[in-house]
Amino acid sequence: MNKEWKEKVQGYCEKYNIPLFYLAETLYEPKVVPMIRGKAFEFSVMMALQKILPENEWEVSKPIMNAQIGFHDIDVRVSHKPTRKLLRIECKLAKKGGYRLFPDGHSEIRVKCMRSRTLGPKKVKELSPKLGISEKILAIHNDQYLPSDFDIVVSSIGNAFYRTDSKTGLFEWRPTKAEKEFLMKLKPPSQENLKDFAFHKMYVAKTEALTIGHISGVVCTRGKCRNKNNCGFIPNYPIISFNPKTNKPANGWIPIEESTSLFKDFVSD
């Protein structure tokens, strides 16, 4: 295994003319780290679901895609073997520094969930008739996803406890005292350090639970939106709201280790 990954890394550097000696420095560049962590998280989700979903019923894979702007790619694909139904999984890390404790005792973590490339005027004009959405409305929400883009969102809360070091510009694990207390309430195993526990603490939600609308109760915060209670887009920062008594999400998110029933809902409809 060690030899295999070393050969892959060396081969990659040679193929793209990357100085192997400075690979670590390249990866530590502040602009590079978020992209790598986001992409690597997709593989983490794939591995987690492969352990959780029964292998005889589900197949979990990571398709290699290069989606064009306006056409969403698939981060992780889950196939239900008996029915051959495919589910599209979107993998999103929590927003950096995205934890907040409220006076009533409940906690919220914001999940960064937006298009990596904003739809320009030309693409808005092209997609408007295909999506059945007016150009004006699509332009207002040009960096937001639609519920038709994927079926399920998986997020790790770990990123919410990182900060950017003002001197180096690097992401650093720096939870506050209150944030550490919150994480301890989630009952981390004694043998796992808090940073790794936070990263592996993943939550899953159906897209419909995140979509702005009367059913979900999610409200649009986009200034120019004229249908804030039911515009049908997914907000840039969906919220995982934790009940202060149970320390469990109270708004449609569930722990990934308890998500088998959520996946079964899609094939039982």
Protein backbone atom coordinates (compact mmCIF):
# COMPACT_ATOMS: atom_id res chain seq x y z
CA MET A 1 0.00 0.00 0.00
CA ASN A 2 2.77 2.44 0.95
CA LYS A 3 4.63 1.83 -2.28
CA GLU A 4 1.46 2.22 -4.33
CA TRP A 5 0.50 5.67 -3.03
CA LYS A 6 4.08 6.90 -3.22
CA GLU A 7 4.28 5.83 -6.85
CA LYS A 8 0.96 7.54 -7.57
CA VAL A 9 2.14 10.80 -6.02
CA GLN A 10 5.44 10.70 -7.88
CA GLY A 11 3.69 9.84 -11.14
CA TYR A 12 1.24 12.71 -10.65
CA CYS A 13 4.04 15.22 -10.06
CA GLU A 14 5.94 14.02 -13.10
CA LYS A 15 2.84 14.13 -15.30
CA TYR A 16 1.98 17.71 -14.37
CA ASN A 17 5.54 19.02 -13.90
CA ILE A 18 5.14 19.66 -10.18
CA PRO A 19 8.43 19.76 -8.23
CA LEU A 20 8.09 16.78 -5.90
CA PHE A 21 10.43 18.40 -3.39
CA TYR A 22 7.98 21.32 -3.02
CA LEU A 23 4.77 19.33 -3.13
CA ALA A 24 4.00 19.96 0.55
CA GLU A 25 4.59 23.70 0.13
CA THR A 26 2.26 23.68 -2.86
CA LEU A 27 -0.46 21.87 -0.92
CA TYR A 28 -0.14 24.27 2.02
CA GLU A 29 -0.89 27.33 -0.12
CA PRO A 30 -3.94 29.05 1.48
CA LYS A 31 -5.85 29.00 -1.82
CA VAL A 32 -5.14 25.32 -2.38
CA VAL A 33 -6.05 23.88 1.03
CA PRO A 34 -9.85 24.51 0.84
CA MET A 35 -10.08 22.94 -2.63
CA ILE A 36 -8.16 19.84 -1.61
CA ARG A 37 -10.07 19.42 1.65
CA GLY A 38 -13.40 19.78 -0.13
CA LYS A 39 -12.53 17.22 -2.78
CA ALA A 40 -10.94 14.82 -0.27
CA PHE A 41 -14.09 15.00 1.86
CA GLU A 42 -16.00 13.34 -0.98
CA PHE A 43 -13.80 10.26 -0.58
CA SER A 44 -14.30 10.37 3.20
CA VAL A 45 -18.07 10.33 2.68
CA MET A 46 -17.77 7.48 0.21
CA MET A 47 -15.77 5.39 2.68
CA ALA A 48 -18.17 6.19 5.54
CA LEU A 49 -21.23 5.17 3.53
CA GLN A 50 -19.52 2.00 2.32
CA LYS A 51 -19.20 0.97 5.97
CA ILE A 52 -22.72 2.01 6.99
CA LEU A 53 -24.94 0.85 4.11
CA PRO A 54 -25.31 -2.95 3.76
CA GLU A 55 -23.05 -4.09 0.92
CA ASN A 56 -25.56 -6.67 -0.33
CA GLU A 57 -28.14 -3.93 -0.92
CA TRP A 58 -26.19 -0.78 -1.73
CA GLU A 59 -23.22 0.16 -3.89
CA VAL A 60 -21.34 3.37 -3.07
CA SER A 61 -18.92 4.87 -5.57
CA LYS A 62 -17.05 8.07 -6.40
CA PRO A 63 -17.56 8.92 -10.07
CA ILE A 64 -14.81 10.91 -11.75
CA MET A 65 -16.53 13.76 -13.54
CA ASN A 66 -15.71 17.13 -15.04
CA ALA A 67 -19.08 18.83 -15.10
CA GLN A 68 -19.66 21.87 -17.25
CA ILE A 69 -20.88 25.05 -15.61
CA GLY A 70 -24.61 24.90 -15.06
CA PHE A 71 -24.66 21.10 -15.07
CA HIS A 72 -24.01 19.66 -11.66
CA ASP A 73 -21.62 16.77 -11.15
CA ILE A 74 -22.07 13.95 -8.65
CA ASP A 75 -19.80 13.88 -5.60
CA VAL A 76 -20.78 10.38 -4.45
CA ARG A 77 -23.18 7.97 -6.12
CA VAL A 78 -25.25 5.46 -4.17
CA SER A 79 -26.98 2.69 -6.09
CA HIS A 80 -29.75 0.54 -4.66
CA LYS A 81 -29.00 -2.88 -6.13
CA PRO A 82 -32.52 -4.43 -6.03
CA THR A 83 -34.20 -1.47 -7.77
CA ARG A 84 -31.16 0.03 -9.56
CA LYS A 85 -32.22 3.43 -8.28
CA LEU A 86 -29.38 5.96 -8.13
CA LEU A 87 -29.03 8.60 -5.44
CA ARG A 88 -26.82 11.66 -5.87
CA ILE A 89 -24.88 12.73 -2.78
CA GLU A 90 -23.53 16.25 -2.33
CA CYS A 91 -20.61 16.53 0.09
CA LYS A 92 -20.19 19.86 1.87
CA LEU A 93 -17.98 20.84 4.77
CA ALA A 94 -19.24 23.14 7.49
CA LYS A 95 -18.43 26.81 7.09
CA LYS A 96 -15.08 27.77 8.59
CA GLY A 97 -15.81 29.25 12.02
CA GLY A 98 -19.46 28.40 11.42
CA TYR A 99 -20.44 27.38 14.96
CA ARG A 100 -22.70 29.61 17.05
CA LEU A 101 -24.13 29.21 20.55
CA PHE A 102 -27.39 31.05 21.27
CA PRO A 103 -28.65 32.50 24.58
CA ASP A 104 -31.41 29.87 24.82
CA GLY A 105 -28.75 27.15 24.82
CA HIS A 106 -29.20 25.76 21.31
CA SER A 107 -26.28 25.58 18.90
CA GLU A 108 -26.12 26.06 15.14
CA ILE A 109 -23.55 25.07 12.56
CA ARG A 110 -23.63 26.56 9.09
CA VAL A 111 -22.85 24.34 6.12
CA LYS A 112 -21.21 25.95 3.10
CA CYS A 113 -23.38 24.85 0.18
CA MET A 114 -23.11 26.97 -2.95
CA ARG A 115 -22.05 26.73 -6.57
CA SER A 116 -18.30 26.96 -7.06
CA ARG A 117 -18.93 28.89 -10.26
CA THR A 118 -21.58 31.60 -10.42
CA LEU A 119 -23.93 31.55 -13.40
CA GLY A 120 -23.13 34.49 -15.68
CA PRO A 121 -25.73 36.32 -17.82
CA LYS A 122 -25.10 34.08 -20.85
CA LYS A 123 -25.48 30.86 -18.85
CA VAL A 124 -28.56 32.23 -17.07
CA LYS A 125 -30.17 32.89 -20.45
CA GLU A 126 -29.28 29.38 -21.64
CA LEU A 127 -30.49 27.54 -18.53
CA SER A 128 -33.63 29.56 -17.83
CA PRO A 129 -35.93 27.71 -20.28
CA LYS A 130 -34.39 24.34 -19.42
CA LEU A 131 -35.05 24.82 -15.71
CA GLY A 132 -38.39 26.54 -16.15
CA ILE A 133 -37.20 29.52 -14.13
CA SER A 134 -37.30 33.12 -15.33
CA GLU A 135 -33.98 34.76 -16.15
CA LYS A 136 -34.61 37.44 -13.53
CA ILE A 137 -35.12 34.93 -10.72
CA LEU A 138 -32.23 32.71 -11.82
CA ALA A 139 -29.92 35.74 -11.96
CA ILE A 140 -30.85 36.65 -8.37
CA HIS A 141 -30.01 33.12 -7.21
CA ASN A 142 -27.10 32.56 -9.61
CA ASP A 143 -24.81 30.93 -7.03
CA GLN A 144 -27.46 28.77 -5.35
CA TYR A 145 -28.32 25.14 -5.95
CA LEU A 146 -31.72 23.78 -6.84
CA PRO A 147 -33.17 20.67 -5.15
CA SER A 148 -33.03 18.91 -8.52
CA ASP A 149 -29.21 19.12 -8.47
CA PHE A 150 -28.82 16.30 -5.90
CA ASP A 151 -30.83 14.13 -3.52
CA ILE A 152 -28.90 14.16 -0.25
CA VAL A 153 -26.35 16.43 1.44
CA VAL A 154 -23.66 15.09 3.78
CA SER A 155 -21.67 17.48 5.95
CA SER A 156 -18.84 17.19 8.45
CA ILE A 157 -19.01 19.69 11.32
CA GLY A 158 -15.24 19.76 11.89
CA ASN A 159 -14.55 22.75 9.67
CA ALA A 160 -16.74 24.94 11.90
CA PHE A 161 -13.97 24.93 14.50
CA TYR A 162 -11.13 26.04 12.24
CA ARG A 163 -9.86 29.60 11.99
CA THR A 164 -7.48 31.30 9.60
CA ASP A 165 -4.16 32.18 11.19
CA SER A 166 -3.63 35.90 10.57
CA LYS A 167 0.13 35.45 10.22
CA THR A 168 0.35 32.39 7.97
CA GLY A 169 -3.04 32.49 6.25
CA LEU A 170 -3.45 28.77 6.97
CA PHE A 171 -6.48 26.97 8.39
CA GLU A 172 -5.88 25.94 11.98
CA TRP A 173 -7.90 23.81 14.39
CA ARG A 174 -8.75 26.35 17.09
CA PRO A 175 -12.04 25.64 18.86
CA THR A 176 -13.00 27.97 21.68
CA LYS A 177 -13.80 26.73 25.18
CA ALA A 178 -17.54 26.85 24.42
CA GLU A 179 -17.00 24.94 21.19
CA LYS A 180 -15.01 22.23 22.96
CA GLU A 181 -17.82 21.93 25.50
CA PHE A 182 -20.32 21.49 22.66
CA LEU A 183 -18.21 18.76 21.06
CA MET A 184 -17.86 16.95 24.37
CA LYS A 185 -21.66 16.82 24.63
CA LEU A 186 -21.63 14.79 21.41
CA LYS A 187 -19.75 12.10 23.37
CA PRO A 188 -16.48 11.54 21.49
CA PRO A 189 -14.78 8.16 22.07
CA SER A 190 -11.99 8.38 24.61
CA GLN A 191 -9.46 6.97 22.15
CA GLU A 192 -10.14 9.59 19.45
CA ASN A 193 -8.81 13.14 19.63
CA LEU A 194 -11.36 15.95 19.39
CA LYS A 195 -10.20 17.22 15.99
CA ASP A 196 -10.61 13.84 14.31
CA PHE A 197 -13.90 13.24 16.09
CA ALA A 198 -15.30 16.55 14.83
CA PHE A 199 -14.27 15.74 11.26
CA HIS A 200 -15.80 12.27 11.38
CA LYS A 201 -18.99 13.65 12.92
CA MET A 202 -21.08 13.78 9.77
CA TYR A 203 -24.74 14.62 9.34
CA VAL A 204 -27.08 13.80 6.48
CA ALA A 205 -30.18 15.58 5.18
CA LYS A 206 -32.57 15.17 2.29
CA THR A 207 -32.40 18.06 -0.15
CA GLU A 208 -36.06 18.85 0.45
CA ALA A 209 -35.31 19.55 4.12
CA LEU A 210 -32.87 22.29 3.11
CA THR A 211 -34.87 23.87 0.29
CA ILE A 212 -36.44 27.26 0.93
CA GLY A 213 -40.18 26.66 1.12
CA HIS A 214 -43.31 26.32 3.23
CA ILE A 215 -42.66 22.64 4.03
CA SER A 216 -39.11 23.08 5.36
CA GLY A 217 -39.72 26.47 6.94
CA VAL A 218 -36.37 27.68 5.57
CA VAL A 219 -36.49 31.37 4.61
CA CYS A 220 -34.45 33.00 1.85
CA THR A 221 -32.05 35.73 2.93
CA ARG A 222 -31.27 36.93 -0.60
CA GLY A 223 -31.98 40.67 -0.63
CA LYS A 224 -33.55 40.84 -4.09
CA CYS A 225 -35.63 37.67 -3.70
CA ARG A 226 -39.35 38.47 -3.83
CA ASN A 227 -40.51 35.05 -2.65
CA LYS A 228 -38.47 34.60 0.51
CA ASN A 229 -40.73 31.93 1.99
CA ASN A 230 -40.99 29.71 -1.08
CA CYS A 231 -38.45 30.55 -3.80
CA GLY A 232 -37.38 26.90 -4.07
CA PHE A 233 -33.60 27.36 -3.95
CA ILE A 234 -31.14 25.96 -1.42
CA PRO A 235 -29.54 28.65 0.78
CA ASN A 236 -25.80 29.19 0.59
CA TYR A 237 -25.47 28.26 4.24
CA PRO A 238 -27.98 25.64 5.39
CA ILE A 239 -28.10 25.38 9.17
CA ILE A 240 -27.75 22.33 11.39
CA SER A 241 -29.66 23.33 14.53
CA PHE A 242 -28.90 21.30 17.67
CA ASN A 243 -31.47 20.78 20.41
CA PRO A 244 -29.88 21.91 23.72
CA LYS A 245 -31.41 19.01 25.66
CA THR A 246 -30.64 16.12 23.32
CA ASN A 247 -27.65 17.65 21.46
CA LYS A 248 -29.15 16.23 18.28
CA PRO A 249 -30.19 18.13 15.14
CA ALA A 250 -33.77 19.35 15.24
CA ASN A 251 -34.28 20.38 11.63
CA GLY A 252 -34.00 17.41 9.29
CA TRP A 253 -30.35 16.43 9.72
CA ILE A 254 -29.45 13.02 11.15
CA PRO A 255 -26.10 11.42 12.09
CA ILE A 256 -24.62 9.55 9.14
CA GLU A 257 -24.39 6.35 11.18
CA GLU A 258 -28.19 6.43 11.50
CA SER A 259 -28.88 7.25 7.85
CA THR A 260 -29.77 3.81 6.47
CA SER A 261 -33.49 4.48 6.95
CA LEU A 262 -33.15 7.80 5.14
CA PHE A 263 -31.70 6.05 2.10
CA LYS A 264 -34.45 3.44 2.22
CA ASP A 265 -37.06 6.22 2.07
CA PHE A 266 -35.96 6.98 -1.49
CA VAL A 267 -36.53 3.43 -2.74
CA SER A 268 -39.78 2.84 -0.86
CA ASP A 269 -41.58 5.82 -2.41
